[in-house]
Amino acid sequence: MSEIIEKYQRRFAEFFGAERAFAFWKGRVALYAILKAMGIGPGDEIILPGYTCVMNVNPIKYLGAKPVYVDIEPVTFNIDVNLLREKISPRTKVIIAQHTYGYPCDMDAVMEIAGEKGIVVVEDCCLALGSKYKGRMVGTFGKAAYFSSQWNKPYTTGLGGMVITSDSELAGKIQSLCESWMRRPSSGEIFMLWAQLAVYRLFIYPRTTAFAQNVFRYLTKKGAVVGSSGTNEFRPVMAEDFFKSISGVQARSGLRQLEKLSDNIKHRKEMALLYEKLLKQRGWSIPKFDSSGSDPVLVRYPLRIDGKSEALEKAAGKGIELGSWFECPLHPIETPLEVYNYMHGSCPQAEIAARQVVNLPLHPRVDEKIARKTVEFVTGFKQA
């Protein structure tokens, strides 16, 4: 492993006060490493919210385990802890606590229930870098946590994933996995990713995002760029080169992003407050989020509207950056739900949210002018 990757891992661990960090090509590879190191296999059950990305489910299926979905509560879009116990069986090995959009899960309840049953908790922090629950950073409650630095995450290295853990036994097993059979990205993949990062830094701004995303998805299908999700990942069969390490290009980018992380977090909080203020001025009600024990750092600002499809289509034409997370219980809309053990109607709150929720940008390239334009556009639709 190169010195720059080791440095990136060390700095990331230090940010959380964790003992170890392990960097990977993608966030889903990070989750796979955790589950594989825990010995998850056929017959095991993994609990997670029924409002997530299918790429979170693939590592579970790759190992022959079964995903078990719990519905969400409607304000934070996180797993409804009141429904958690009824989903636990003798085969349950792990609960994945996803901090959706950056809102922290009710970790007291999750840890209590898991402790009663002897179940391991893994935190999904892909959307929640820097969020705190009762003064403590999310990602430090469970046995391990994983993160993503893909294009639209709290910060980007193009692609990228990270595991943190302070469990020495688990860390040793992940280290052994990495040393024994983790592949390196090819020189072609590294070059394409470097080029894509350069284009992103120069040209991707809120007004160009929708167009860029459409072009990027087209080129991904053609194999002309390194995409976050290939077409082969919409079926639960692991590609031969799936378990792949991070590159030096990503690690260098990650180190630069870590240096700017405090400013990034501050900006996101300020923009979230601005959206709330502007929406209230236009008569929109803001769902009451009990923040007494939480300090969220949102990756994007979620809103429920009527006419989601129309809004997304019109936003693209007007140069408005409007996100569609999540398009269905296992985002994106192309996901064959039944293949991933999801039965329609099993998570009704998640299905309603998927029909209603759009999200507004909070990243460092968003300023007050863009926020006002975005709110003016989105309030042209009816609040759901």
Protein backbone atom coordinates (compact mmCIF):
# COMPACT_ATOMS: atom_id res chain seq x y z
CA MET A 1 0.00 0.00 0.00
CA SER A 2 1.26 3.45 -0.90
CA GLU A 3 2.25 6.01 1.70
CA ILE A 4 -0.44 8.45 0.50
CA ILE A 5 -3.20 5.87 1.06
CA GLU A 6 -1.89 5.04 4.52
CA LYS A 7 -1.81 8.75 5.35
CA TYR A 8 -5.39 9.21 4.17
CA GLN A 9 -6.59 6.27 6.25
CA ARG A 10 -4.76 7.55 9.31
CA ARG A 11 -6.15 11.10 8.98
CA PHE A 12 -9.69 9.80 8.45
CA ALA A 13 -9.46 7.63 11.58
CA GLU A 14 -8.12 10.57 13.57
CA PHE A 15 -11.11 12.70 12.62
CA PHE A 16 -13.38 10.20 14.40
CA GLY A 17 -11.00 9.15 17.14
CA ALA A 18 -11.15 5.63 15.72
CA GLU A 19 -8.37 3.09 15.99
CA ARG A 20 -8.31 2.07 12.33
CA ALA A 21 -9.59 3.14 8.93
CA PHE A 22 -9.50 1.19 5.67
CA ALA A 23 -9.98 2.83 2.27
CA PHE A 24 -11.65 1.16 -0.72
CA TRP A 25 -12.61 1.84 -4.34
CA LYS A 26 -16.29 2.37 -3.40
CA GLY A 27 -18.46 2.60 -0.30
CA ARG A 28 -20.23 -0.67 -1.08
CA VAL A 29 -16.84 -2.41 -1.10
CA ALA A 30 -16.29 -1.02 2.41
CA LEU A 31 -19.55 -2.59 3.61
CA TYR A 32 -18.64 -5.88 1.96
CA ALA A 33 -15.29 -5.87 3.79
CA ILE A 34 -17.04 -5.39 7.14
CA LEU A 35 -19.59 -8.15 6.59
CA LYS A 36 -17.06 -10.57 5.11
CA ALA A 37 -14.70 -10.00 8.05
CA MET A 38 -17.58 -10.71 10.43
CA GLY A 39 -18.13 -14.06 8.76
CA ILE A 40 -21.57 -13.23 7.35
CA GLY A 41 -22.79 -15.94 5.01
CA PRO A 42 -25.73 -18.03 3.78
CA GLY A 43 -28.63 -18.22 6.21
CA ASP A 44 -27.70 -15.00 8.04
CA GLU A 45 -30.06 -12.03 8.09
CA ILE A 46 -29.06 -8.38 7.93
CA ILE A 47 -31.55 -5.70 8.97
CA LEU A 48 -31.55 -2.35 7.19
CA PRO A 49 -34.09 0.36 6.34
CA GLY A 50 -36.40 -0.15 3.38
CA TYR A 51 -35.37 3.26 2.08
CA THR A 52 -31.83 2.98 0.82
CA CYS A 53 -29.70 2.39 -2.25
CA VAL A 54 -29.57 -1.07 -3.79
CA MET A 55 -25.78 -0.83 -3.72
CA ASN A 56 -26.09 -1.20 0.06
CA VAL A 57 -27.96 -4.44 -0.45
CA ASN A 58 -25.60 -5.99 -2.99
CA PRO A 59 -22.81 -6.81 -0.48
CA ILE A 60 -25.37 -8.65 1.66
CA LYS A 61 -26.55 -10.70 -1.30
CA TYR A 62 -23.01 -11.31 -2.54
CA LEU A 63 -22.32 -13.13 0.73
CA GLY A 64 -25.46 -15.25 0.45
CA ALA A 65 -27.17 -13.50 3.36
CA LYS A 66 -30.74 -12.18 3.38
CA PRO A 67 -31.65 -8.49 3.66
CA VAL A 68 -34.56 -7.78 6.01
CA TYR A 69 -36.18 -4.38 5.57
CA VAL A 70 -37.67 -2.18 8.28
CA ASP A 71 -39.95 0.73 7.43
CA ILE A 72 -38.89 4.31 8.18
CA GLU A 73 -40.33 7.06 10.32
CA PRO A 74 -41.45 10.01 8.19
CA VAL A 75 -39.45 12.96 9.57
CA THR A 76 -35.85 11.77 9.50
CA PHE A 77 -36.45 8.92 7.01
CA ASN A 78 -34.44 6.68 9.35
CA ILE A 79 -35.29 3.17 10.48
CA ASP A 80 -38.39 3.16 12.71
CA VAL A 81 -37.02 1.76 15.96
CA ASN A 82 -40.57 0.91 17.10
CA LEU A 83 -40.69 -1.70 14.33
CA LEU A 84 -37.18 -3.03 14.83
CA ARG A 85 -37.77 -5.78 17.38
CA GLU A 86 -40.43 -7.52 15.30
CA LYS A 87 -37.97 -7.91 12.42
CA ILE A 88 -35.35 -9.67 14.52
CA SER A 89 -35.09 -13.45 14.25
CA PRO A 90 -32.61 -16.06 15.54
CA ARG A 91 -30.79 -15.63 12.22
CA THR A 92 -30.28 -11.86 12.58
CA LYS A 93 -26.58 -11.07 12.76
CA VAL A 94 -26.30 -7.35 11.95
CA ILE A 95 -28.41 -4.20 12.11
CA ILE A 96 -27.32 -1.51 9.65
CA ALA A 97 -28.13 1.89 11.13
CA GLN A 98 -28.36 4.24 8.14
CA HIS A 99 -28.20 7.95 8.98
CA THR A 100 -30.42 9.07 6.11
CA TYR A 101 -29.64 12.43 4.49
CA GLY A 102 -27.41 13.11 7.50
CA TYR A 103 -30.10 12.86 10.19
CA PRO A 104 -28.71 10.66 12.99
CA CYS A 105 -30.58 7.49 13.85
CA ASP A 106 -31.96 7.03 17.35
CA MET A 107 -28.76 5.30 18.36
CA ASP A 108 -29.77 4.84 22.01
CA ALA A 109 -32.71 2.70 20.94
CA VAL A 110 -30.78 0.87 18.21
CA MET A 111 -27.90 0.01 20.54
CA GLU A 112 -30.24 -1.05 23.34
CA ILE A 113 -32.22 -3.40 21.12
CA ALA A 114 -29.07 -4.81 19.53
CA GLY A 115 -27.48 -5.31 22.96
CA GLU A 116 -30.51 -7.20 24.26
CA LYS A 117 -30.32 -9.62 21.35
CA GLY A 118 -26.54 -9.85 20.98
CA ILE A 119 -26.63 -8.36 17.48
CA VAL A 120 -23.84 -6.34 15.91
CA VAL A 121 -24.54 -2.75 14.79
CA VAL A 122 -22.87 -1.34 11.67
CA GLU A 123 -23.44 2.33 10.86
CA ASP A 124 -24.08 3.54 7.33
CA CYS A 125 -22.57 7.03 7.33
CA CYS A 126 -22.45 7.48 3.57
CA LEU A 127 -24.77 10.51 3.87
CA ALA A 128 -23.75 11.70 7.32
CA LEU A 129 -20.13 12.77 7.54
CA GLY A 130 -19.79 14.96 10.65
CA SER A 131 -23.30 14.46 12.08
CA LYS A 132 -23.49 14.01 15.84
CA TYR A 133 -25.88 12.20 18.16
CA LYS A 134 -25.90 13.51 21.74
CA GLY A 135 -22.51 15.10 21.24
CA ARG A 136 -20.90 12.00 19.76
CA MET A 137 -19.97 11.57 16.11
CA VAL A 138 -22.12 9.10 14.20
CA GLY A 139 -19.94 6.25 13.05
CA THR A 140 -18.53 5.68 16.54
CA PHE A 141 -21.45 3.78 18.11
CA GLY A 142 -21.42 0.47 16.28
CA LYS A 143 -18.68 -2.10 15.86
CA ALA A 144 -17.83 -0.46 12.54
CA ALA A 145 -19.05 2.23 10.18
CA TYR A 146 -18.69 2.80 6.47
CA PHE A 147 -18.61 5.93 4.32
CA SER A 148 -18.77 6.91 0.67
CA SER A 149 -16.99 9.72 -1.16
CA GLN A 150 -18.75 9.15 -4.48
CA TRP A 151 -19.73 12.18 -6.61
CA ASN A 152 -22.73 13.41 -4.63
CA LYS A 153 -21.70 12.52 -1.09
CA PRO A 154 -20.59 14.91 1.72
CA TYR A 155 -17.27 15.26 -0.07
CA THR A 156 -16.08 13.62 -3.23
CA THR A 157 -12.99 11.77 -4.34
CA GLY A 158 -14.84 10.74 -7.50
CA LEU A 159 -15.42 7.28 -6.13
CA GLY A 160 -14.30 5.99 -2.76
CA GLY A 161 -15.25 4.19 0.42
CA MET A 162 -13.96 3.99 3.96
CA VAL A 163 -14.37 1.76 7.01
CA ILE A 164 -13.65 2.88 10.55
CA THR A 165 -13.53 0.63 13.59
CA SER A 166 -11.99 0.55 17.04
CA ASP A 167 -12.54 -3.18 17.39
CA SER A 168 -9.06 -4.67 17.12
CA GLU A 169 -10.27 -8.16 16.22
CA LEU A 170 -12.44 -6.89 13.38
CA ALA A 171 -9.67 -4.56 12.19
CA GLY A 172 -7.27 -7.50 12.04
CA LYS A 173 -9.69 -9.54 9.94
CA ILE A 174 -10.29 -6.65 7.51
CA GLN A 175 -6.53 -6.15 7.23
CA SER A 176 -6.10 -9.83 6.45
CA LEU A 177 -8.81 -9.68 3.76
CA CYS A 178 -7.16 -6.69 2.14
CA GLU A 179 -3.73 -8.31 2.14
CA SER A 180 -4.94 -11.65 0.81
CA TRP A 181 -7.21 -10.87 -2.11
CA MET A 182 -8.03 -7.21 -2.65
CA ARG A 183 -7.37 -6.08 -6.23
CA ARG A 184 -5.87 -2.81 -7.36
CA PRO A 185 -7.71 -0.58 -9.84
CA SER A 186 -6.25 -0.67 -13.32
CA SER A 187 -4.15 2.16 -14.70
CA GLY A 188 -6.97 2.89 -17.16
CA GLU A 189 -9.54 3.18 -14.37
CA ILE A 190 -7.24 5.47 -12.40
CA PHE A 191 -6.61 7.72 -15.40
CA MET A 192 -10.33 7.98 -16.22
CA LEU A 193 -11.15 8.80 -12.62
CA TRP A 194 -8.43 11.48 -12.51
CA ALA A 195 -9.82 13.01 -15.72
CA GLN A 196 -13.38 12.93 -14.38
CA LEU A 197 -12.29 14.67 -11.16
CA ALA A 198 -10.63 17.38 -13.22
CA VAL A 199 -13.81 17.91 -15.26
CA TYR A 200 -15.90 17.94 -12.07
CA ARG A 201 -13.75 20.65 -10.45
CA LEU A 202 -13.84 22.83 -13.56
CA PHE A 203 -17.35 22.48 -14.92
CA ILE A 204 -19.86 20.95 -12.51
CA TYR A 205 -21.99 23.62 -10.85
CA PRO A 206 -25.67 23.58 -9.79
CA ARG A 207 -26.87 24.96 -13.13
CA THR A 208 -25.01 22.24 -15.08
CA THR A 209 -25.61 19.29 -12.75
CA ALA A 210 -28.71 17.83 -14.37
CA PHE A 211 -27.17 17.90 -17.85
CA ALA A 212 -23.89 16.49 -16.56
CA GLN A 213 -25.67 13.65 -14.75
CA ASN A 214 -27.53 12.62 -17.90
CA VAL A 215 -24.32 12.66 -19.96
CA PHE A 216 -22.47 10.79 -17.23
CA ARG A 217 -25.10 8.05 -17.01
CA TYR A 218 -25.04 7.61 -20.77
CA LEU A 219 -21.24 7.37 -20.85
CA THR A 220 -21.27 4.96 -17.90
CA LYS A 221 -23.56 2.58 -19.81
CA LYS A 222 -21.18 2.80 -22.77
CA GLY A 223 -18.18 2.09 -20.53
CA ALA A 224 -16.57 5.41 -21.46
CA VAL A 225 -16.25 6.62 -17.85
CA VAL A 226 -15.78 5.09 -14.42
CA GLY A 227 -19.32 5.21 -13.05
CA SER A 228 -20.50 4.88 -9.49
CA SER A 229 -22.87 2.08 -10.54
CA GLY A 230 -22.37 -0.17 -13.53
CA THR A 231 -25.28 -1.90 -15.24
CA ASN A 232 -24.01 -5.24 -13.92
CA GLU A 233 -24.66 -4.07 -10.34
CA PHE A 234 -28.45 -4.25 -10.69
CA ARG A 235 -28.31 -7.96 -10.08
CA PRO A 236 -26.90 -9.61 -6.97
CA VAL A 237 -23.92 -11.31 -8.61
CA MET A 238 -20.50 -10.06 -7.55
CA ALA A 239 -18.15 -9.03 -10.34
CA GLU A 240 -14.71 -10.60 -10.38
CA ASP A 241 -13.00 -7.28 -9.72
CA PHE A 242 -15.48 -5.96 -7.13
CA PHE A 243 -13.21 -6.13 -4.06
CA LYS A 244 -10.93 -3.32 -5.09
CA SER A 245 -8.65 -0.90 -3.25
CA ILE A 246 -8.63 2.86 -3.39
CA SER A 247 -6.12 4.58 -5.67
CA GLY A 248 -3.54 7.23 -4.89
CA VAL A 249 -5.57 9.74 -6.92
CA GLN A 250 -8.56 9.24 -4.62
CA ALA A 251 -6.42 9.33 -1.48
CA ARG A 252 -4.81 12.65 -2.46
CA SER A 253 -8.21 14.12 -3.20
CA GLY A 254 -9.51 12.80 0.13
CA LEU A 255 -6.69 14.42 2.07
CA ARG A 256 -7.46 17.77 0.45
CA GLN A 257 -11.14 17.35 1.29
CA LEU A 258 -10.38 16.51 4.92
CA GLU A 259 -8.45 19.77 5.24
CA LYS A 260 -11.59 21.65 4.13
CA LEU A 261 -14.06 19.50 6.05
CA SER A 262 -14.79 21.95 8.87
CA ASP A 263 -15.67 24.67 6.33
CA ASN A 264 -17.74 22.15 4.37
CA ILE A 265 -19.73 21.21 7.49
CA LYS A 266 -20.24 24.85 8.47
CA HIS A 267 -21.49 25.69 4.98
CA ARG A 268 -23.97 22.81 4.92
CA LYS A 269 -25.45 23.83 8.26
CA GLU A 270 -25.78 27.46 7.17
CA MET A 271 -27.43 26.52 3.88
CA ALA A 272 -29.87 24.14 5.62
CA LEU A 273 -30.94 26.97 7.93
CA LEU A 274 -31.30 29.30 4.94
CA TYR A 275 -33.54 26.81 3.11
CA GLU A 276 -35.66 26.46 6.24
CA LYS A 277 -36.00 30.24 6.53
CA LEU A 278 -36.86 30.75 2.85
CA LEU A 279 -39.39 27.91 2.84
CA LYS A 280 -41.13 29.27 5.94
CA GLN A 281 -41.32 32.70 4.31
CA ARG A 282 -43.25 31.09 1.47
CA GLY A 283 -45.67 29.43 3.86
CA TRP A 284 -44.23 25.94 3.83
CA SER A 285 -44.31 23.98 7.06
CA ILE A 286 -41.06 22.41 8.18
CA PRO A 287 -41.42 18.96 9.81
CA LYS A 288 -40.46 19.08 13.45
CA PHE A 289 -37.15 17.31 13.92
CA ASP A 290 -36.24 16.70 17.56
CA SER A 291 -32.73 18.12 17.50
CA SER A 292 -32.25 18.18 21.27
CA GLY A 293 -29.94 15.19 21.06
CA SER A 294 -28.77 15.51 17.48
CA ASP A 295 -26.59 17.79 15.40
CA PRO A 296 -27.15 16.77 11.77
CA VAL A 297 -24.90 17.65 8.86
CA LEU A 298 -27.14 17.07 5.87
CA VAL A 299 -25.80 15.85 2.55
CA ARG A 300 -28.92 17.28 0.85
CA TYR A 301 -32.07 18.99 2.15
CA PRO A 302 -35.12 16.71 1.74
CA LEU A 303 -38.61 18.02 0.92
CA ARG A 304 -41.91 16.31 0.17
CA ILE A 305 -43.80 17.61 -2.85
CA ASP A 306 -46.66 16.59 -5.11
CA GLY A 307 -45.64 16.10 -8.72
CA LYS A 308 -42.12 14.81 -8.10
CA SER A 309 -41.57 13.52 -11.65
CA GLU A 310 -42.76 16.79 -13.19
CA ALA A 311 -40.55 18.80 -10.84
CA LEU A 312 -37.45 16.79 -11.70
CA GLU A 313 -38.12 17.15 -15.42
CA LYS A 314 -38.71 20.89 -15.25
CA ALA A 315 -35.74 21.46 -12.93
CA ALA A 316 -33.37 19.94 -15.47
CA GLY A 317 -34.61 22.34 -18.14
CA LYS A 318 -34.24 25.37 -15.89
CA GLY A 319 -30.75 24.57 -14.60
CA ILE A 320 -32.03 23.81 -11.09
CA GLU A 321 -30.16 21.13 -9.16
CA LEU A 322 -32.92 18.96 -7.72
CA GLY A 323 -32.14 15.52 -6.36
CA SER A 324 -34.36 12.45 -6.66
CA TRP A 325 -33.13 10.37 -3.70
CA PHE A 326 -34.74 7.90 -3.22
CA GLU A 327 -36.74 6.98 -6.32
CA CYS A 328 -37.97 3.70 -4.84
CA PRO A 329 -37.37 1.78 -1.59
CA LEU A 330 -34.12 0.44 -3.07
CA HIS A 331 -32.89 3.35 -5.21
CA PRO A 332 -32.65 3.73 -8.21
CA ILE A 333 -35.90 3.07 -10.02
CA GLU A 334 -34.31 0.39 -12.25
CA THR A 335 -33.84 -1.94 -9.26
CA PRO A 336 -35.69 -5.27 -9.62
CA LEU A 337 -37.09 -5.17 -6.08
CA GLU A 338 -38.20 -8.80 -5.88
CA VAL A 339 -34.67 -10.00 -6.69
CA TYR A 340 -33.52 -8.18 -3.55
CA ASN A 341 -36.22 -9.71 -1.28
CA TYR A 342 -38.28 -6.52 -1.16
CA MET A 343 -42.04 -7.08 -1.34
CA HIS A 344 -44.23 -4.20 -2.47
CA GLY A 345 -46.20 -2.79 0.47
CA SER A 346 -43.80 -4.08 3.13
CA CYS A 347 -42.47 -0.59 3.93
CA PRO A 348 -45.39 1.77 3.25
CA GLN A 349 -43.78 4.91 4.70
CA ALA A 350 -40.69 4.33 2.56
CA GLU A 351 -42.83 3.90 -0.55
CA ILE A 352 -44.70 7.14 0.14
CA ALA A 353 -41.41 8.97 0.68
CA ALA A 354 -40.04 7.60 -2.59
CA ARG A 355 -43.03 9.09 -4.42
CA GLN A 356 -42.77 12.48 -2.73
CA VAL A 357 -39.24 13.38 -1.68
CA VAL A 358 -36.91 15.59 -3.67
CA ASN A 359 -33.82 17.16 -2.19
CA LEU A 360 -32.04 20.48 -2.48
CA PRO A 361 -28.26 20.91 -2.80
CA LEU A 362 -26.10 21.91 0.16
CA HIS A 363 -22.61 21.38 -1.23
CA PRO A 364 -19.95 24.13 -1.15
CA ARG A 365 -20.81 25.39 -4.65
CA VAL A 366 -24.30 26.42 -3.53
CA ASP A 367 -24.67 30.04 -2.40
CA GLU A 368 -27.57 32.22 -1.25
CA LYS A 369 -28.49 33.25 -4.80
CA ILE A 370 -28.76 29.61 -5.89
CA ALA A 371 -30.71 28.72 -2.74
CA ARG A 372 -33.25 31.46 -3.38
CA LYS A 373 -33.68 30.40 -7.01
CA THR A 374 -34.08 26.76 -5.94
CA VAL A 375 -36.69 27.58 -3.30
CA GLU A 376 -38.59 29.81 -5.73
CA PHE A 377 -38.74 26.88 -8.15
CA VAL A 378 -39.67 24.12 -5.72
CA THR A 379 -42.39 26.17 -3.98
CA GLY A 380 -44.09 26.40 -7.35
CA PHE A 381 -45.23 22.87 -6.54
CA LYS A 382 -47.58 21.84 -3.76
CA GLN A 383 -46.07 20.62 -0.53
CA ALA A 384 -47.01 17.00 0.11
